[in-house]
């Protein structure tokens, strides 16, 4: 039995309408996916742009605070202001303030309180390494490697020539220009590099260390404190109860330096959560004869972000302006 002509035509029309509806639904689905994809991509790009802008703002704010700290140091030098005897002004204690709506931490370290990689004797280098936890034999070997790295080949005796290095390049055999070159020294691995860089410098030009301005952990290491106490001061240097006149600090290495070079560490935290940490080294007695020179500008390591977050949470209540 066959369908009537009218019924067959109706069925064909319904099929065509069904296919058309499926095509419309499929098309709407594709367009919706494209719209969602574009919206997601747009949000990601907008967020990326916002993050870049906030990061740039945080960096500019950190630079501004570094400039303020530099101006303060230059003004103090011109005024011939000496730090208090028993409370060194620039031993690295952090100070907190608010600048352009950002929470700021500033820590200034007198480079005279650190071990100069170019001027320190092998004995001071070895004592520093051993006091910071390096095994005695390794400390002696590393001290010799540092001396071999910084000494020109023409000045090295046969007995002082460096042994084959574990590095893919030969020792520089020239003075360190920055502490970041320490990772090129034979025997210095990444962990040791991170441990040593806060306590060494290339800018004090002193054979000894100024005990008044020495970082707390370095002071303790040279004074022969227990390794556990040194590590505790490394983790939490401030506040501390160190006696800067402690007789255990070796007198032969205690060399008071003038206001010459300073490391300025600045951290900035915005309300958006973006952070910036920067280090600058200011030389107030450059060999060029100029009033000052900026020796280094580099990315810093964040140390005080928890305290800065507390400041942001309280809108900087009770915190002075920078």
C-alpha atoms as a PDB file:
ATOM      1  CA  UNK A   1       0.000   0.000   0.000  1.00  0.00           C
ATOM      2  CA  UNK A   2       1.497   3.337  -0.995  1.00  0.00           C
ATOM      3  CA  UNK A   3       1.101   6.730   0.649  1.00  0.00           C
ATOM      4  CA  UNK A   4      -1.035   9.326  -0.929  1.00  0.00           C
ATOM      5  CA  UNK A   5       0.898  11.931  -2.922  1.00  0.00           C
ATOM      6  CA  UNK A   6       0.068  14.676  -0.422  1.00  0.00           C
ATOM      7  CA  UNK A   7       1.256  12.634   2.588  1.00  0.00           C
ATOM      8  CA  UNK A   8       4.591  11.786   0.935  1.00  0.00           C
ATOM      9  CA  UNK A   9       5.237  15.425   0.130  1.00  0.00           C
ATOM     10  CA  UNK A  10       4.477  16.374   3.739  1.00  0.00           C
ATOM     11  CA  UNK A  11       6.997  13.832   4.972  1.00  0.00           C
ATOM     12  CA  UNK A  12       9.669  15.159   2.595  1.00  0.00           C
ATOM     13  CA  UNK A  13       9.038  18.695   3.810  1.00  0.00           C
ATOM     14  CA  UNK A  14       9.356  17.557   7.435  1.00  0.00           C
ATOM     15  CA  UNK A  15      12.692  15.838   6.661  1.00  0.00           C
ATOM     16  CA  UNK A  16      14.050  18.945   5.002  1.00  0.00           C
ATOM     17  CA  UNK A  17      12.864  21.067   7.954  1.00  0.00           C
ATOM     18  CA  UNK A  18      14.522  18.643  10.397  1.00  0.00           C
ATOM     19  CA  UNK A  19      17.851  18.808   8.513  1.00  0.00           C
ATOM     20  CA  UNK A  20      17.612  22.598   8.413  1.00  0.00           C
ATOM     21  CA  UNK A  21      16.960  22.726  12.163  1.00  0.00           C
ATOM     22  CA  UNK A  22      19.987  20.474  12.844  1.00  0.00           C
ATOM     23  CA  UNK A  23      22.133  22.680  10.616  1.00  0.00           C
ATOM     24  CA  UNK A  24      20.978  25.791  12.483  1.00  0.00           C
ATOM     25  CA  UNK A  25      21.627  24.185  15.888  1.00  0.00           C
ATOM     26  CA  UNK A  26      25.085  23.002  14.755  1.00  0.00           C
ATOM     27  CA  UNK A  27      25.890  26.442  13.373  1.00  0.00           C
ATOM     28  CA  UNK A  28      24.754  28.186  16.548  1.00  0.00           C
ATOM     29  CA  UNK A  29      26.892  25.765  18.592  1.00  0.00           C
ATOM     30  CA  UNK A  30      29.981  26.470  16.475  1.00  0.00           C
ATOM     31  CA  UNK A  31      29.430  30.207  16.697  1.00  0.00           C
ATOM     32  CA  UNK A  32      28.930  29.951  20.477  1.00  0.00           C
ATOM     33  CA  UNK A  33      32.195  28.034  20.839  1.00  0.00           C
ATOM     34  CA  UNK A  34      33.987  30.654  18.755  1.00  0.00           C
ATOM     35  CA  UNK A  35      32.506  33.462  20.835  1.00  0.00           C
ATOM     36  CA  UNK A  36      33.491  31.734  24.090  1.00  0.00           C
ATOM     37  CA  UNK A  37      36.981  31.116  22.741  1.00  0.00           C
ATOM     38  CA  UNK A  38      37.358  34.758  21.741  1.00  0.00           C
ATOM     39  CA  UNK A  39      36.044  35.887  25.132  1.00  0.00           C
ATOM     40  CA  UNK A  40      38.479  33.625  26.972  1.00  0.00           C
ATOM     41  CA  UNK A  41      41.382  34.754  24.804  1.00  0.00           C
ATOM     42  CA  UNK A  42      40.347  38.364  25.324  1.00  0.00           C
ATOM     43  CA  UNK A  43      40.227  37.918  29.110  1.00  0.00           C
ATOM     44  CA  UNK A  44      43.653  36.248  29.098  1.00  0.00           C
ATOM     45  CA  UNK A  45      45.122  39.036  26.990  1.00  0.00           C
ATOM     46  CA  UNK A  46      43.532  41.657  29.214  1.00  0.00           C
ATOM     47  CA  UNK A  47      44.862  39.908  32.327  1.00  0.00           C
ATOM     48  CA  UNK A  48      48.312  39.618  30.761  1.00  0.00           C
ATOM     49  CA  UNK A  49      48.303  43.301  29.871  1.00  0.00           C
ATOM     50  CA  UNK A  50      47.178  44.159  33.412  1.00  0.00           C
ATOM     51  CA  UNK A  51      49.932  41.988  34.925  1.00  0.00           C
ATOM     52  CA  UNK A  52      52.571  43.574  32.692  1.00  0.00           C
ATOM     53  CA  UNK A  53      51.363  47.059  33.597  1.00  0.00           C
ATOM     54  CA  UNK A  54      51.346  46.231  37.334  1.00  0.00           C
ATOM     55  CA  UNK A  55      54.796  44.635  37.148  1.00  0.00           C
ATOM     56  CA  UNK A  56      56.122  47.704  35.336  1.00  0.00           C
ATOM     57  CA  UNK A  57      54.556  49.959  37.963  1.00  0.00           C
ATOM     58  CA  UNK A  58      56.106  47.901  40.789  1.00  0.00           C
ATOM     59  CA  UNK A  59      59.524  48.098  39.110  1.00  0.00           C
ATOM     60  CA  UNK A  60      59.274  51.866  38.652  1.00  0.00           C
ATOM     61  CA  UNK A  61      58.259  52.290  42.293  1.00  0.00           C
ATOM     62  CA  UNK A  62      61.229  50.149  43.417  1.00  0.00           C
ATOM     63  CA  UNK A  63      63.518  52.279  41.253  1.00  0.00           C
ATOM     64  CA  UNK A  64      62.081  55.426  42.800  1.00  0.00           C
ATOM     65  CA  UNK A  65      62.735  54.195  46.349  1.00  0.00           C
ATOM     66  CA  UNK A  66      66.286  53.174  45.375  1.00  0.00           C
ATOM     67  CA  UNK A  67      66.860  56.716  44.098  1.00  0.00           C
ATOM     68  CA  UNK A  68      65.554  58.144  47.392  1.00  0.00           C
ATOM     69  CA  UNK A  69      67.913  55.870  49.346  1.00  0.00           C
ATOM     70  CA  UNK A  70      70.830  56.915  47.146  1.00  0.00           C
ATOM     71  CA  UNK A  71      70.084  60.590  47.720  1.00  0.00           C
ATOM     72  CA  UNK A  72      69.963  59.941  51.471  1.00  0.00           C
ATOM     73  CA  UNK A  73      73.362  58.204  51.448  1.00  0.00           C
ATOM     74  CA  UNK A  74      74.957  60.935  49.342  1.00  0.00           C
ATOM     75  CA  UNK A  75      73.530  63.628  51.649  1.00  0.00           C
ATOM     76  CA  UNK A  76      74.832  61.816  54.734  1.00  0.00           C
ATOM     77  CA  UNK A  77      78.277  61.531  53.185  1.00  0.00           C
ATOM     78  CA  UNK A  78      78.307  65.237  52.381  1.00  0.00           C
ATOM     79  CA  UNK A  79      77.193  66.007  55.942  1.00  0.00           C
ATOM     80  CA  UNK A  80      79.868  63.649  57.304  1.00  0.00           C
ATOM     81  CA  UNK A  81      77.371  61.754  59.472  1.00  0.00           C
ATOM     82  CA  UNK A  82      78.880  58.654  61.093  1.00  0.00           C
ATOM     83  CA  UNK A  83      76.705  55.710  62.176  1.00  0.00           C
ATOM     84  CA  UNK A  84      76.300  55.125  65.929  1.00  0.00           C
ATOM     85  CA  UNK A  85      79.018  52.924  67.382  1.00  0.00           C
ATOM     86  CA  UNK A  86      76.866  50.186  68.887  1.00  0.00           C
ATOM     87  CA  UNK A  87      73.978  50.439  66.448  1.00  0.00           C
ATOM     88  CA  UNK A  88      75.332  50.331  62.903  1.00  0.00           C
ATOM     89  CA  UNK A  89      73.043  52.275  60.648  1.00  0.00           C
ATOM     90  CA  UNK A  90      73.541  50.101  57.607  1.00  0.00           C
ATOM     91  CA  UNK A  91      73.986  46.457  58.570  1.00  0.00           C
ATOM     92  CA  UNK A  92      70.956  45.301  56.555  1.00  0.00           C
ATOM     93  CA  UNK A  93      68.068  45.737  58.994  1.00  0.00           C
ATOM     94  CA  UNK A  94      64.833  46.221  56.999  1.00  0.00           C
ATOM     95  CA  UNK A  95      62.772  49.389  57.241  1.00  0.00           C
ATOM     96  CA  UNK A  96      59.167  49.557  56.070  1.00  0.00           C
ATOM     97  CA  UNK A  97      57.302  52.454  54.510  1.00  0.00           C
ATOM     98  CA  UNK A  98      54.562  53.334  52.013  1.00  0.00           C
ATOM     99  CA  UNK A  99      55.293  54.904  48.635  1.00  0.00           C
ATOM    100  CA  UNK A 100      52.760  55.686  45.890  1.00  0.00           C
ATOM    101  CA  UNK A 101      50.253  53.273  47.395  1.00  0.00           C
ATOM    102  CA  UNK A 102      52.746  50.391  47.527  1.00  0.00           C
ATOM    103  CA  UNK A 103      54.132  48.639  50.599  1.00  0.00           C
ATOM    104  CA  UNK A 104      57.926  49.017  50.639  1.00  0.00           C
ATOM    105  CA  UNK A 105      60.800  47.281  52.405  1.00  0.00           C
ATOM    106  CA  UNK A 106      64.247  48.907  52.290  1.00  0.00           C
ATOM    107  CA  UNK A 107      67.440  47.324  53.582  1.00  0.00           C
ATOM    108  CA  UNK A 108      70.832  49.005  53.205  1.00  0.00           C
ATOM    109  CA  UNK A 109      74.065  47.118  53.764  1.00  0.00           C
ATOM    110  CA  UNK A 110      77.507  48.663  54.096  1.00  0.00           C
ATOM    111  CA  UNK A 111      79.694  46.588  51.787  1.00  0.00           C
ATOM    112  CA  UNK A 112      82.595  47.090  54.228  1.00  0.00           C
ATOM    113  CA  UNK A 113      80.858  44.577  56.476  1.00  0.00           C
ATOM    114  CA  UNK A 114      81.290  41.795  53.904  1.00  0.00           C
ATOM    115  CA  UNK A 115      84.214  39.720  52.660  1.00  0.00           C
ATOM    116  CA  UNK A 116      85.769  41.251  49.554  1.00  0.00           C
ATOM    117  CA  UNK A 117      86.452  38.512  47.012  1.00  0.00           C
ATOM    118  CA  UNK A 118      89.331  40.493  45.539  1.00  0.00           C
ATOM    119  CA  UNK A 119      91.016  41.774  48.703  1.00  0.00           C
ATOM    120  CA  UNK A 120      90.407  39.090  51.343  1.00  0.00           C
ATOM    121  CA  UNK A 121      93.276  36.818  52.318  1.00  0.00           C
ATOM    122  CA  UNK A 122      93.020  33.038  51.838  1.00  0.00           C
ATOM    123  CA  UNK A 123      92.773  32.715  55.640  1.00  0.00           C
ATOM    124  CA  UNK A 124      89.748  35.041  55.841  1.00  0.00           C
ATOM    125  CA  UNK A 125      88.073  33.294  52.913  1.00  0.00           C
ATOM    126  CA  UNK A 126      88.669  29.889  54.513  1.00  0.00           C
ATOM    127  CA  UNK A 127      87.372  31.049  57.914  1.00  0.00           C
ATOM    128  CA  UNK A 128      84.270  32.507  56.289  1.00  0.00           C
ATOM    129  CA  UNK A 129      83.480  29.342  54.374  1.00  0.00           C
ATOM    130  CA  UNK A 130      84.074  27.091  57.377  1.00  0.00           C
ATOM    131  CA  UNK A 131      81.997  29.338  59.653  1.00  0.00           C
ATOM    132  CA  UNK A 132      79.095  29.172  57.202  1.00  0.00           C
ATOM    133  CA  UNK A 133      79.114  25.373  57.291  1.00  0.00           C
ATOM    134  CA  UNK A 134      81.514  24.257  54.570  1.00  0.00           C
ATOM    135  CA  UNK A 135      83.597  21.232  55.600  1.00  0.00           C
ATOM    136  CA  UNK A 136      87.159  22.211  56.614  1.00  0.00           C
ATOM    137  CA  UNK A 137      88.998  20.548  53.717  1.00  0.00           C
ATOM    138  CA  UNK A 138      86.489  21.852  51.165  1.00  0.00           C
ATOM    139  CA  UNK A 139      86.712  25.352  52.701  1.00  0.00           C
ATOM    140  CA  UNK A 140      90.485  25.396  52.231  1.00  0.00           C
ATOM    141  CA  UNK A 141      90.184  24.153  48.644  1.00  0.00           C
ATOM    142  CA  UNK A 142      87.473  26.710  47.814  1.00  0.00           C
ATOM    143  CA  UNK A 143      89.507  29.563  49.307  1.00  0.00           C
ATOM    144  CA  UNK A 144      92.437  28.568  47.097  1.00  0.00           C
ATOM    145  CA  UNK A 145      90.132  28.355  44.066  1.00  0.00           C
ATOM    146  CA  UNK A 146      88.836  31.889  44.711  1.00  0.00           C
ATOM    147  CA  UNK A 147      92.389  33.236  44.965  1.00  0.00           C
ATOM    148  CA  UNK A 148      93.398  31.378  41.786  1.00  0.00           C
ATOM    149  CA  UNK A 149      90.340  32.756  39.964  1.00  0.00           C
ATOM    150  CA  UNK A 150      91.143  36.402  40.800  1.00  0.00           C
ATOM    151  CA  UNK A 151      94.931  36.291  40.374  1.00  0.00           C
ATOM    152  CA  UNK A 152      96.508  37.000  36.963  1.00  0.00           C
ATOM    153  CA  UNK A 153      98.420  34.055  35.521  1.00  0.00           C
ATOM    154  CA  UNK A 154     101.714  35.996  35.577  1.00  0.00           C
ATOM    155  CA  UNK A 155     101.463  36.361  39.363  1.00  0.00           C
ATOM    156  CA  UNK A 156     100.690  32.724  40.096  1.00  0.00           C
ATOM    157  CA  UNK A 157     103.537  30.501  41.169  1.00  0.00           C
ATOM    158  CA  UNK A 158     103.703  26.904  39.986  1.00  0.00           C
ATOM    159  CA  UNK A 159     102.353  25.693  43.309  1.00  0.00           C
ATOM    160  CA  UNK A 160      99.439  28.150  43.076  1.00  0.00           C
ATOM    161  CA  UNK A 161      98.288  27.238  39.595  1.00  0.00           C
ATOM    162  CA  UNK A 162      94.686  25.976  39.683  1.00  0.00           C
ATOM    163  CA  UNK A 163      94.060  22.273  39.152  1.00  0.00           C
ATOM    164  CA  UNK A 164      91.720  21.106  36.377  1.00  0.00           C
ATOM    165  CA  UNK A 165      88.338  22.735  36.925  1.00  0.00           C
ATOM    166  CA  UNK A 166      84.892  21.167  37.094  1.00  0.00           C
ATOM    167  CA  UNK A 167      83.609  24.183  35.141  1.00  0.00           C
ATOM    168  CA  UNK A 168      83.334  24.252  31.322  1.00  0.00           C
ATOM    169  CA  UNK A 169      85.780  27.182  31.227  1.00  0.00           C
ATOM    170  CA  UNK A 170      89.126  28.130  32.709  1.00  0.00           C
ATOM    171  CA  UNK A 171      89.481  30.474  35.730  1.00  0.00           C
ATOM    172  CA  UNK A 172      89.178  34.151  34.832  1.00  0.00           C
ATOM    173  CA  UNK A 173      92.584  35.023  36.345  1.00  0.00           C
ATOM    174  CA  UNK A 174      91.476  38.624  36.797  1.00  0.00           C
ATOM    175  CA  UNK A 175      89.679  40.468  39.614  1.00  0.00           C
ATOM    176  CA  UNK A 176      86.008  39.742  40.276  1.00  0.00           C
ATOM    177  CA  UNK A 177      83.808  42.470  38.833  1.00  0.00           C
ATOM    178  CA  UNK A 178      80.656  41.275  40.601  1.00  0.00           C
ATOM    179  CA  UNK A 179      79.772  38.639  43.179  1.00  0.00           C
ATOM    180  CA  UNK A 180      77.704  36.956  40.464  1.00  0.00           C
ATOM    181  CA  UNK A 181      80.988  35.674  38.991  1.00  0.00           C
ATOM    182  CA  UNK A 182      81.365  33.475  42.050  1.00  0.00           C
ATOM    183  CA  UNK A 183      79.454  30.721  40.276  1.00  0.00           C
ATOM    184  CA  UNK A 184      82.384  30.444  37.829  1.00  0.00           C
ATOM    185  CA  UNK A 185      84.771  29.380  40.604  1.00  0.00           C
ATOM    186  CA  UNK A 186      85.744  25.739  40.711  1.00  0.00           C
ATOM    187  CA  UNK A 187      83.798  23.903  43.430  1.00  0.00           C
ATOM    188  CA  UNK A 188      81.013  26.470  43.799  1.00  0.00           C
ATOM    189  CA  UNK A 189      77.698  24.750  43.088  1.00  0.00           C
ATOM    190  CA  UNK A 190      74.317  26.538  42.880  1.00  0.00           C
ATOM    191  CA  UNK A 191      73.463  25.890  46.550  1.00  0.00           C
ATOM    192  CA  UNK A 192      76.806  27.227  47.782  1.00  0.00           C
ATOM    193  CA  UNK A 193      76.512  30.196  45.424  1.00  0.00           C
ATOM    194  CA  UNK A 194      73.139  31.134  46.964  1.00  0.00           C
ATOM    195  CA  UNK A 195      74.565  30.714  50.473  1.00  0.00           C
ATOM    196  CA  UNK A 196      77.669  32.847  49.904  1.00  0.00           C
ATOM    197  CA  UNK A 197      76.486  35.787  47.789  1.00  0.00           C
ATOM    198  CA  UNK A 198      74.785  37.679  50.683  1.00  0.00           C
ATOM    199  CA  UNK A 199      78.097  37.771  52.580  1.00  0.00           C
ATOM    200  CA  UNK A 200      80.648  38.693  49.920  1.00  0.00           C
ATOM    201  CA  UNK A 201      81.338  41.786  47.855  1.00  0.00           C
ATOM    202  CA  UNK A 202      83.682  43.181  45.236  1.00  0.00           C
ATOM    203  CA  UNK A 203      83.275  46.825  46.248  1.00  0.00           C
ATOM    204  CA  UNK A 204      84.618  47.315  49.772  1.00  0.00           C
ATOM    205  CA  UNK A 205      88.276  47.126  48.703  1.00  0.00           C
ATOM    206  CA  UNK A 206      89.068  46.117  52.301  1.00  0.00           C
ATOM    207  CA  UNK A 207      91.238  43.159  53.267  1.00  0.00           C
ATOM    208  CA  UNK A 208      89.159  42.747  56.418  1.00  0.00           C
ATOM    209  CA  UNK A 209      85.544  43.023  57.550  1.00  0.00           C
ATOM    210  CA  UNK A 210      83.922  45.840  59.514  1.00  0.00           C
ATOM    211  CA  UNK A 211      82.329  44.025  62.451  1.00  0.00           C
ATOM    212  CA  UNK A 212      79.925  46.936  63.059  1.00  0.00           C
ATOM    213  CA  UNK A 213      78.258  46.513  59.685  1.00  0.00           C
ATOM    214  CA  UNK A 214      78.692  42.808  59.071  1.00  0.00           C
ATOM    215  CA  UNK A 215      75.538  40.805  58.220  1.00  0.00           C
ATOM    216  CA  UNK A 216      74.474  38.989  61.414  1.00  0.00           C
ATOM    217  CA  UNK A 217      75.128  35.473  60.096  1.00  0.00           C
ATOM    218  CA  UNK A 218      78.584  36.454  58.792  1.00  0.00           C
ATOM    219  CA  UNK A 219      79.449  38.142  62.104  1.00  0.00           C
ATOM    220  CA  UNK A 220      78.444  34.965  63.931  1.00  0.00           C
ATOM    221  CA  UNK A 221      80.365  32.751  61.479  1.00  0.00           C
ATOM    222  CA  UNK A 222      83.609  34.728  61.906  1.00  0.00           C
ATOM    223  CA  UNK A 223      83.136  34.977  65.678  1.00  0.00           C
ATOM    224  CA  UNK A 224      83.005  31.182  65.921  1.00  0.00           C
ATOM    225  CA  UNK A 225      79.356  30.770  66.858  1.00  0.00           C
ATOM    226  CA  UNK A 226      77.809  27.321  66.656  1.00  0.00           C
ATOM    227  CA  UNK A 227      76.647  26.403  63.157  1.00  0.00           C
ATOM    228  CA  UNK A 228      73.049  26.146  64.405  1.00  0.00           C
ATOM    229  CA  UNK A 229      73.219  29.750  65.649  1.00  0.00           C
ATOM    230  CA  UNK A 230      74.735  30.913  62.357  1.00  0.00           C
ATOM    231  CA  UNK A 231      71.963  29.201  60.419  1.00  0.00           C
ATOM    232  CA  UNK A 232      69.328  30.720  62.700  1.00  0.00           C
ATOM    233  CA  UNK A 233      70.721  34.201  62.041  1.00  0.00           C
ATOM    234  CA  UNK A 234      70.837  33.454  58.336  1.00  0.00           C
ATOM    235  CA  UNK A 235      67.125  32.559  58.361  1.00  0.00           C
ATOM    236  CA  UNK A 236      66.033  35.416  60.662  1.00  0.00           C
ATOM    237  CA  UNK A 237      68.770  38.059  60.917  1.00  0.00           C
ATOM    238  CA  UNK A 238      66.624  40.727  62.593  1.00  0.00           C
ATOM    239  CA  UNK A 239      65.990  41.356  65.382  1.00  0.00           C
ATOM    240  CA  UNK A 240      69.063  39.937  67.091  1.00  0.00           C
ATOM    241  CA  UNK A 241      71.044  40.387  70.315  1.00  0.00           C
ATOM    242  CA  UNK A 242      74.531  40.477  68.779  1.00  0.00           C
ATOM    243  CA  UNK A 243      77.239  42.374  70.633  1.00  0.00           C
ATOM    244  CA  UNK A 244      79.250  44.066  67.912  1.00  0.00           C
ATOM    245  CA  UNK A 245      82.162  44.344  70.347  1.00  0.00           C
ATOM    246  CA  UNK A 246      82.180  40.580  70.937  1.00  0.00           C
ATOM    247  CA  UNK A 247      85.828  39.646  71.610  1.00  0.00           C
ATOM    248  CA  UNK A 248      85.379  36.378  69.738  1.00  0.00           C
ATOM    249  CA  UNK A 249      85.352  38.279  66.454  1.00  0.00           C
ATOM    250  CA  UNK A 250      88.942  37.890  65.143  1.00  0.00           C
ATOM    251  CA  UNK A 251      90.761  41.196  65.696  1.00  0.00           C
ATOM    252  CA  UNK A 252      93.128  40.589  62.761  1.00  0.00           C
ATOM    253  CA  UNK A 253      90.169  40.652  60.361  1.00  0.00           C
ATOM    254  CA  UNK A 254      88.203  43.478  62.009  1.00  0.00           C
ATOM    255  CA  UNK A 255      88.792  46.452  59.737  1.00  0.00           C
ATOM    256  CA  UNK A 256      86.566  49.472  60.069  1.00  0.00           C
ATOM    257  CA  UNK A 257      85.714  50.902  56.667  1.00  0.00           C
ATOM    258  CA  UNK A 258      84.554  54.348  55.723  1.00  0.00           C
ATOM    259  CA  UNK A 259      81.244  55.097  54.068  1.00  0.00           C
ATOM    260  CA  UNK A 260      82.271  53.861  50.650  1.00  0.00           C
ATOM    261  CA  UNK A 261      79.928  51.350  49.016  1.00  0.00           C
ATOM    262  CA  UNK A 262      76.425  50.256  49.922  1.00  0.00           C
ATOM    263  CA  UNK A 263      73.984  47.631  48.688  1.00  0.00           C
ATOM    264  CA  UNK A 264      70.430  48.978  48.595  1.00  0.00           C
ATOM    265  CA  UNK A 265      67.754  46.271  48.598  1.00  0.00           C
ATOM    266  CA  UNK A 266      64.186  47.381  47.862  1.00  0.00           C
ATOM    267  CA  UNK A 267      60.987  45.349  47.655  1.00  0.00           C
ATOM    268  CA  UNK A 268      57.667  46.790  46.499  1.00  0.00           C
ATOM    269  CA  UNK A 269      54.247  45.142  46.796  1.00  0.00           C
ATOM    270  CA  UNK A 270      51.171  46.624  45.107  1.00  0.00           C
ATOM    271  CA  UNK A 271      47.589  46.129  46.259  1.00  0.00           C
ATOM    272  CA  UNK A 272      47.115  44.047  43.078  1.00  0.00           C
ATOM    273  CA  UNK A 273      49.655  41.531  44.385  1.00  0.00           C
ATOM    274  CA  UNK A 274      52.441  42.419  41.957  1.00  0.00           C
ATOM    275  CA  UNK A 275      55.888  42.549  43.501  1.00  0.00           C
ATOM    276  CA  UNK A 276      59.322  43.812  42.539  1.00  0.00           C
ATOM    277  CA  UNK A 277      62.656  43.208  44.293  1.00  0.00           C
ATOM    278  CA  UNK A 278      65.756  45.072  43.160  1.00  0.00           C
ATOM    279  CA  UNK A 279      69.337  45.520  44.333  1.00  0.00           C
ATOM    280  CA  UNK A 280      71.599  48.467  43.612  1.00  0.00           C
ATOM    281  CA  UNK A 281      75.197  49.018  44.661  1.00  0.00           C
ATOM    282  CA  UNK A 282      76.206  52.622  45.211  1.00  0.00           C
ATOM    283  CA  UNK A 283      79.883  53.581  45.410  1.00  0.00           C
ATOM    284  CA  UNK A 284      80.462  56.878  47.223  1.00  0.00           C
ATOM    285  CA  UNK A 285      84.216  56.886  46.549  1.00  0.00           C
ATOM    286  CA  UNK A 286      84.577  55.839  42.915  1.00  0.00           C
ATOM    287  CA  UNK A 287      88.026  55.804  41.359  1.00  0.00           C
ATOM    288  CA  UNK A 288      86.682  58.069  38.609  1.00  0.00           C
ATOM    289  CA  UNK A 289      86.701  60.987  41.037  1.00  0.00           C
ATOM    290  CA  UNK A 290      82.966  61.583  40.654  1.00  0.00           C
ATOM    291  CA  UNK A 291      80.797  62.125  43.770  1.00  0.00           C
ATOM    292  CA  UNK A 292      79.223  58.671  43.414  1.00  0.00           C
ATOM    293  CA  UNK A 293      78.733  55.854  40.952  1.00  0.00           C
ATOM    294  CA  UNK A 294      76.076  53.169  40.537  1.00  0.00           C
ATOM    295  CA  UNK A 295      78.150  50.008  40.228  1.00  0.00           C
ATOM    296  CA  UNK A 296      75.364  47.451  39.772  1.00  0.00           C
ATOM    297  CA  UNK A 297      71.605  47.255  39.259  1.00  0.00           C
ATOM    298  CA  UNK A 298      70.120  43.796  39.378  1.00  0.00           C
ATOM    299  CA  UNK A 299      67.062  41.793  40.273  1.00  0.00           C
ATOM    300  CA  UNK A 300      66.873  41.086  43.996  1.00  0.00           C
ATOM    301  CA  UNK A 301      65.618  38.168  46.031  1.00  0.00           C
ATOM    302  CA  UNK A 302      62.327  38.655  47.862  1.00  0.00           C
ATOM    303  CA  UNK A 303      62.796  38.441  51.641  1.00  0.00           C
ATOM    304  CA  UNK A 304      60.038  40.467  53.267  1.00  0.00           C
ATOM    305  CA  UNK A 305      56.919  39.708  51.246  1.00  0.00           C
ATOM    306  CA  UNK A 306      54.985  38.352  54.263  1.00  0.00           C
ATOM    307  CA  UNK A 307      55.425  41.609  56.179  1.00  0.00           C
ATOM    308  CA  UNK A 308      54.505  43.604  53.079  1.00  0.00           C
ATOM    309  CA  UNK A 309      51.297  41.605  52.694  1.00  0.00           C
ATOM    310  CA  UNK A 310      50.383  42.469  56.273  1.00  0.00           C
ATOM    311  CA  UNK A 311      50.903  46.133  55.432  1.00  0.00           C
ATOM    312  CA  UNK A 312      48.651  45.848  52.368  1.00  0.00           C
ATOM    313  CA  UNK A 313      45.960  44.086  54.423  1.00  0.00           C
ATOM    314  CA  UNK A 314      45.911  46.985  56.906  1.00  0.00           C
ATOM    315  CA  UNK A 315      46.210  49.690  54.221  1.00  0.00           C
ATOM    316  CA  UNK A 316      49.586  50.696  55.623  1.00  0.00           C
ATOM    317  CA  UNK A 317      48.129  51.744  58.978  1.00  0.00           C
ATOM    318  CA  UNK A 318      50.864  53.062  61.252  1.00  0.00           C
ATOM    319  CA  UNK A 319      53.553  52.782  58.564  1.00  0.00           C
ATOM    320  CA  UNK A 320      55.374  56.003  57.602  1.00  0.00           C
ATOM    321  CA  UNK A 321      55.779  57.336  54.087  1.00  0.00           C
ATOM    322  CA  UNK A 322      59.120  56.690  52.425  1.00  0.00           C
END
